[in-house]
Amino acid sequence: MSQNISRVILNPDDISRTLARMAHEITEKNPDAASLVLIGIITRGAPLAKRLAEKIKAINGAEVPVGKLDVTFYRDDLAKKGPNLNASPTEIPADVNGKTVILVDDVLYTGRSIRAAIDAIMDIGRPGRIQLATLLDRGHRELPIRPDYIGKNIPTAKHERVKVKLKETDGEDTVVVVNGND
């Protein structure tokens, strides 16, 4: 069962420029970088959060703590996944109480992963506020979730799949849309 690439959405330079723009938007909306904590949702949200923190540091010199969050056991489809779950360790390097937590993910689709991430964060502490940054928003929301920072809106059909590849996890930076019916 092969998947044909329908279209390339972002190349490596596009991803870098998109993250730079998002970092500028984050610093404009949150001038007090000391109150920020970036938390990337495992798998690809974590390296994106780290890249955003590096770009924020280049903009204003501030070191923003970066964590990674596994939402496996907070998902509402846990029973469907079966007993062979591969959870990764959650690592939150800073106290989230009273802070602005920016959840970072690669693709926003139904909103269910973000709902799970919010539940997980609330088990860790009580942030002053939670914001959402996503590299891609493909629509088709099932929950009332809206990102604060969007790298790119991409209209997709429900049968299509968005494939994000990052150097840290896949050896290359690219985003493609593939036909999920193939």
C-alpha atoms as a PDB file:
ATOM      1  CA  MET A   1       0.000   0.000   0.000  1.00  0.00           C
ATOM      2  CA  SER A   2       2.002   2.986  -1.239  1.00  0.00           C
ATOM      3  CA  GLN A   3       1.189   6.582  -0.451  1.00  0.00           C
ATOM      4  CA  ASN A   4       1.564   9.067  -3.279  1.00  0.00           C
ATOM      5  CA  ILE A   5       2.750  12.550  -2.450  1.00  0.00           C
ATOM      6  CA  SER A   6      -0.027  14.916  -3.414  1.00  0.00           C
ATOM      7  CA  ARG A   7       1.959  18.049  -2.714  1.00  0.00           C
ATOM      8  CA  VAL A   8       4.966  19.383  -0.846  1.00  0.00           C
ATOM      9  CA  ILE A   9       3.811  21.950   1.711  1.00  0.00           C
ATOM     10  CA  LEU A  10       7.091  23.059   3.321  1.00  0.00           C
ATOM     11  CA  ASN A  11      10.741  22.508   2.442  1.00  0.00           C
ATOM     12  CA  PRO A  12      13.616  22.976   4.941  1.00  0.00           C
ATOM     13  CA  ASP A  13      13.929  26.737   4.294  1.00  0.00           C
ATOM     14  CA  ASP A  14      10.164  27.183   4.584  1.00  0.00           C
ATOM     15  CA  ILE A  15      10.135  25.401   7.950  1.00  0.00           C
ATOM     16  CA  SER A  16      12.962  27.591   9.271  1.00  0.00           C
ATOM     17  CA  ARG A  17      11.288  30.824   8.100  1.00  0.00           C
ATOM     18  CA  THR A  18       7.932  29.697   9.488  1.00  0.00           C
ATOM     19  CA  LEU A  19       9.405  28.955  12.909  1.00  0.00           C
ATOM     20  CA  ALA A  20      11.236  32.304  12.906  1.00  0.00           C
ATOM     21  CA  ARG A  21       7.964  34.114  12.223  1.00  0.00           C
ATOM     22  CA  MET A  22       6.197  32.144  14.939  1.00  0.00           C
ATOM     23  CA  ALA A  23       8.995  32.975  17.413  1.00  0.00           C
ATOM     24  CA  HIS A  24       8.548  36.685  16.631  1.00  0.00           C
ATOM     25  CA  GLU A  25       4.791  36.372  17.198  1.00  0.00           C
ATOM     26  CA  ILE A  26       5.376  34.609  20.512  1.00  0.00           C
ATOM     27  CA  THR A  27       7.799  37.297  21.731  1.00  0.00           C
ATOM     28  CA  GLU A  28       5.428  40.078  20.651  1.00  0.00           C
ATOM     29  CA  LYS A  29       2.494  38.532  22.507  1.00  0.00           C
ATOM     30  CA  ASN A  30       4.634  37.548  25.528  1.00  0.00           C
ATOM     31  CA  PRO A  31       7.227  40.283  26.155  1.00  0.00           C
ATOM     32  CA  ASP A  32       8.190  38.780  29.549  1.00  0.00           C
ATOM     33  CA  ALA A  33      10.115  35.728  28.369  1.00  0.00           C
ATOM     34  CA  ALA A  34      10.879  34.804  31.986  1.00  0.00           C
ATOM     35  CA  SER A  35       7.249  33.738  32.384  1.00  0.00           C
ATOM     36  CA  LEU A  36       7.323  31.369  29.392  1.00  0.00           C
ATOM     37  CA  VAL A  37       7.673  27.602  29.276  1.00  0.00           C
ATOM     38  CA  LEU A  38       7.570  25.834  25.907  1.00  0.00           C
ATOM     39  CA  ILE A  39       6.313  22.253  26.005  1.00  0.00           C
ATOM     40  CA  GLY A  40       6.423  20.133  22.882  1.00  0.00           C
ATOM     41  CA  ILE A  41       4.065  17.228  22.429  1.00  0.00           C
ATOM     42  CA  ILE A  42       5.997  14.055  21.696  1.00  0.00           C
ATOM     43  CA  THR A  43       7.035  13.143  18.980  1.00  0.00           C
ATOM     44  CA  ARG A  44       7.530  16.074  16.602  1.00  0.00           C
ATOM     45  CA  GLY A  45       6.259  18.864  18.819  1.00  0.00           C
ATOM     46  CA  ALA A  46       9.261  18.424  21.125  1.00  0.00           C
ATOM     47  CA  PRO A  47      11.962  19.302  18.553  1.00  0.00           C
ATOM     48  CA  LEU A  48       9.783  22.129  17.227  1.00  0.00           C
ATOM     49  CA  ALA A  49       9.545  23.566  20.760  1.00  0.00           C
ATOM     50  CA  LYS A  50      13.330  23.412  21.064  1.00  0.00           C
ATOM     51  CA  ARG A  51      13.780  25.184  17.723  1.00  0.00           C
ATOM     52  CA  LEU A  52      11.282  27.873  18.744  1.00  0.00           C
ATOM     53  CA  ALA A  53      13.176  28.434  22.006  1.00  0.00           C
ATOM     54  CA  GLU A  54      16.427  28.846  20.053  1.00  0.00           C
ATOM     55  CA  LYS A  55      14.790  31.394  17.760  1.00  0.00           C
ATOM     56  CA  ILE A  56      13.282  33.272  20.720  1.00  0.00           C
ATOM     57  CA  LYS A  57      16.758  33.420  22.281  1.00  0.00           C
ATOM     58  CA  ALA A  58      18.149  34.845  19.024  1.00  0.00           C
ATOM     59  CA  ILE A  59      15.435  37.525  19.095  1.00  0.00           C
ATOM     60  CA  ASN A  60      15.610  38.718  22.693  1.00  0.00           C
ATOM     61  CA  GLY A  61      18.450  36.796  24.350  1.00  0.00           C
ATOM     62  CA  ALA A  62      16.113  35.014  26.757  1.00  0.00           C
ATOM     63  CA  GLU A  63      16.557  31.348  27.624  1.00  0.00           C
ATOM     64  CA  VAL A  64      13.096  29.797  27.607  1.00  0.00           C
ATOM     65  CA  PRO A  65      12.750  26.411  29.329  1.00  0.00           C
ATOM     66  CA  VAL A  66      11.686  23.640  26.967  1.00  0.00           C
ATOM     67  CA  GLY A  67       9.960  20.428  27.962  1.00  0.00           C
ATOM     68  CA  LYS A  68       8.406  17.481  26.249  1.00  0.00           C
ATOM     69  CA  LEU A  69       5.058  15.924  26.997  1.00  0.00           C
ATOM     70  CA  ASP A  70       3.727  12.445  26.248  1.00  0.00           C
ATOM     71  CA  VAL A  71      -0.075  12.440  26.075  1.00  0.00           C
ATOM     72  CA  THR A  72      -0.469   8.698  25.445  1.00  0.00           C
ATOM     73  CA  PHE A  73      -2.340   7.938  28.668  1.00  0.00           C
ATOM     74  CA  TYR A  74      -4.505  11.067  28.421  1.00  0.00           C
ATOM     75  CA  ARG A  75      -5.951  10.238  25.013  1.00  0.00           C
ATOM     76  CA  ASP A  76      -9.667   9.527  24.721  1.00  0.00           C
ATOM     77  CA  ASP A  77      -8.993   6.659  22.291  1.00  0.00           C
ATOM     78  CA  LEU A  78      -6.796   4.714  24.720  1.00  0.00           C
ATOM     79  CA  ALA A  79      -9.107   1.677  24.719  1.00  0.00           C
ATOM     80  CA  LYS A  80      -8.880   1.466  20.921  1.00  0.00           C
ATOM     81  CA  LYS A  81      -5.072   1.532  20.966  1.00  0.00           C
ATOM     82  CA  GLY A  82      -4.808  -1.772  22.827  1.00  0.00           C
ATOM     83  CA  PRO A  83      -2.262  -2.990  25.370  1.00  0.00           C
ATOM     84  CA  ASN A  84       0.896  -2.327  23.319  1.00  0.00           C
ATOM     85  CA  LEU A  85       1.353   1.360  24.040  1.00  0.00           C
ATOM     86  CA  ASN A  86       4.772   2.937  23.742  1.00  0.00           C
ATOM     87  CA  ALA A  87       4.876   5.903  26.061  1.00  0.00           C
ATOM     88  CA  SER A  88       7.880   8.199  26.266  1.00  0.00           C
ATOM     89  CA  PRO A  89       8.965  10.027  29.389  1.00  0.00           C
ATOM     90  CA  THR A  90       7.505  13.464  29.995  1.00  0.00           C
ATOM     91  CA  GLU A  91      10.182  16.009  30.915  1.00  0.00           C
ATOM     92  CA  ILE A  92       9.123  19.410  32.235  1.00  0.00           C
ATOM     93  CA  PRO A  93      12.260  21.358  33.261  1.00  0.00           C
ATOM     94  CA  ALA A  94      10.505  24.256  34.983  1.00  0.00           C
ATOM     95  CA  ASP A  95       7.637  24.945  37.344  1.00  0.00           C
ATOM     96  CA  VAL A  96       4.530  25.657  35.255  1.00  0.00           C
ATOM     97  CA  ASN A  97       2.534  27.232  38.105  1.00  0.00           C
ATOM     98  CA  GLY A  98       1.557  30.769  37.156  1.00  0.00           C
ATOM     99  CA  LYS A  99       3.579  30.613  33.925  1.00  0.00           C
ATOM    100  CA  THR A 100       2.505  30.971  30.332  1.00  0.00           C
ATOM    101  CA  VAL A 101       2.803  27.479  28.922  1.00  0.00           C
ATOM    102  CA  ILE A 102       3.000  27.287  25.161  1.00  0.00           C
ATOM    103  CA  LEU A 103       2.069  23.839  23.905  1.00  0.00           C
ATOM    104  CA  VAL A 104       3.817  23.062  20.629  1.00  0.00           C
ATOM    105  CA  ASP A 105       2.711  20.427  18.129  1.00  0.00           C
ATOM    106  CA  ASP A 106       3.401  19.707  14.491  1.00  0.00           C
ATOM    107  CA  VAL A 107      -0.125  19.276  13.083  1.00  0.00           C
ATOM    108  CA  LEU A 108      -3.434  20.405  14.530  1.00  0.00           C
ATOM    109  CA  TYR A 109      -6.252  18.245  13.210  1.00  0.00           C
ATOM    110  CA  THR A 110      -9.185  17.151  15.386  1.00  0.00           C
ATOM    111  CA  GLY A 111      -7.934  18.845  18.569  1.00  0.00           C
ATOM    112  CA  ARG A 112      -7.978  15.635  20.604  1.00  0.00           C
ATOM    113  CA  SER A 113      -4.206  15.521  21.211  1.00  0.00           C
ATOM    114  CA  ILE A 114      -4.284  19.108  22.423  1.00  0.00           C
ATOM    115  CA  ARG A 115      -7.162  18.337  24.796  1.00  0.00           C
ATOM    116  CA  ALA A 116      -5.097  15.438  26.151  1.00  0.00           C
ATOM    117  CA  ALA A 117      -2.060  17.717  26.498  1.00  0.00           C
ATOM    118  CA  ILE A 118      -4.055  20.303  28.450  1.00  0.00           C
ATOM    119  CA  ASP A 119      -5.261  17.559  30.815  1.00  0.00           C
ATOM    120  CA  ALA A 120      -1.675  16.369  31.287  1.00  0.00           C
ATOM    121  CA  ILE A 121      -0.390  19.902  31.974  1.00  0.00           C
ATOM    122  CA  MET A 122      -3.115  20.481  34.556  1.00  0.00           C
ATOM    123  CA  ASP A 123      -1.965  17.327  36.369  1.00  0.00           C
ATOM    124  CA  ILE A 124       1.543  18.812  36.541  1.00  0.00           C
ATOM    125  CA  GLY A 125       0.549  22.251  37.821  1.00  0.00           C
ATOM    126  CA  ARG A 126      -1.630  25.287  37.319  1.00  0.00           C
ATOM    127  CA  PRO A 127      -0.311  27.558  34.575  1.00  0.00           C
ATOM    128  CA  GLY A 128      -1.361  31.189  34.452  1.00  0.00           C
ATOM    129  CA  ARG A 129      -2.419  30.515  30.864  1.00  0.00           C
ATOM    130  CA  ILE A 130      -1.900  28.011  28.101  1.00  0.00           C
ATOM    131  CA  GLN A 131      -1.278  28.978  24.501  1.00  0.00           C
ATOM    132  CA  LEU A 132      -0.997  26.735  21.465  1.00  0.00           C
ATOM    133  CA  ALA A 133       1.577  26.884  18.671  1.00  0.00           C
ATOM    134  CA  THR A 134       1.296  24.518  15.733  1.00  0.00           C
ATOM    135  CA  LEU A 135       3.395  24.257  12.614  1.00  0.00           C
ATOM    136  CA  LEU A 136       0.353  23.269  10.539  1.00  0.00           C
ATOM    137  CA  ASP A 137      -3.381  23.646  10.980  1.00  0.00           C
ATOM    138  CA  ARG A 138      -5.257  21.334   8.640  1.00  0.00           C
ATOM    139  CA  GLY A 139      -8.755  21.964   9.967  1.00  0.00           C
ATOM    140  CA  HIS A 140     -11.428  19.308  10.558  1.00  0.00           C
ATOM    141  CA  ARG A 141     -11.693  20.116  14.273  1.00  0.00           C
ATOM    142  CA  GLU A 142     -13.839  17.880  16.472  1.00  0.00           C
ATOM    143  CA  LEU A 143     -13.239  19.924  19.628  1.00  0.00           C
ATOM    144  CA  PRO A 144     -13.307  23.702  20.157  1.00  0.00           C
ATOM    145  CA  ILE A 145      -9.528  24.126  19.997  1.00  0.00           C
ATOM    146  CA  ARG A 146      -7.916  27.095  18.250  1.00  0.00           C
ATOM    147  CA  PRO A 147      -4.170  27.772  17.999  1.00  0.00           C
ATOM    148  CA  ASP A 148      -2.633  31.082  19.070  1.00  0.00           C
ATOM    149  CA  TYR A 149       0.286  30.677  16.662  1.00  0.00           C
ATOM    150  CA  ILE A 150      -0.032  28.938  13.301  1.00  0.00           C
ATOM    151  CA  GLY A 151       2.864  28.272  10.973  1.00  0.00           C
ATOM    152  CA  LYS A 152       0.650  27.511   7.995  1.00  0.00           C
ATOM    153  CA  ASN A 153      -3.012  26.749   7.357  1.00  0.00           C
ATOM    154  CA  ILE A 154      -3.369  23.942   4.848  1.00  0.00           C
ATOM    155  CA  PRO A 155      -6.722  22.871   3.497  1.00  0.00           C
ATOM    156  CA  THR A 156      -6.915  19.096   3.325  1.00  0.00           C
ATOM    157  CA  ALA A 157      -9.491  16.442   2.644  1.00  0.00           C
ATOM    158  CA  LYS A 158     -10.229  14.041   5.483  1.00  0.00           C
ATOM    159  CA  HIS A 159      -8.758  11.133   3.499  1.00  0.00           C
ATOM    160  CA  GLU A 160      -5.428  12.947   3.084  1.00  0.00           C
ATOM    161  CA  ARG A 161      -2.588  12.621   5.580  1.00  0.00           C
ATOM    162  CA  VAL A 162      -0.073  15.287   6.515  1.00  0.00           C
ATOM    163  CA  LYS A 163       3.437  13.916   6.973  1.00  0.00           C
ATOM    164  CA  VAL A 164       5.876  16.100   8.906  1.00  0.00           C
ATOM    165  CA  LYS A 165       9.500  15.022   8.833  1.00  0.00           C
ATOM    166  CA  LEU A 166      12.065  16.733  11.039  1.00  0.00           C
ATOM    167  CA  LYS A 167      15.841  16.328  11.130  1.00  0.00           C
ATOM    168  CA  GLU A 168      15.749  15.326  14.785  1.00  0.00           C
ATOM    169  CA  THR A 169      13.289  12.461  14.289  1.00  0.00           C
ATOM    170  CA  ASP A 170      13.409  11.599  10.583  1.00  0.00           C
ATOM    171  CA  GLY A 171      16.743  12.873   9.270  1.00  0.00           C
ATOM    172  CA  GLU A 172      15.212  15.573   7.058  1.00  0.00           C
ATOM    173  CA  ASP A 173      12.951  18.615   7.193  1.00  0.00           C
ATOM    174  CA  THR A 174       9.916  18.452   4.941  1.00  0.00           C
ATOM    175  CA  VAL A 175       6.130  18.509   5.070  1.00  0.00           C
ATOM    176  CA  VAL A 176       4.045  16.709   2.490  1.00  0.00           C
ATOM    177  CA  VAL A 177       0.401  15.802   2.036  1.00  0.00           C
ATOM    178  CA  VAL A 178      -0.231  12.242   0.896  1.00  0.00           C
ATOM    179  CA  ASN A 179      -3.389  10.588  -0.332  1.00  0.00           C
ATOM    180  CA  GLY A 180      -4.525   8.305   2.483  1.00  0.00           C
ATOM    181  CA  ASN A 181      -6.643   6.144   0.160  1.00  0.00           C
ATOM    182  CA  ASP A 182      -3.645   4.645  -1.671  1.00  0.00           C
END
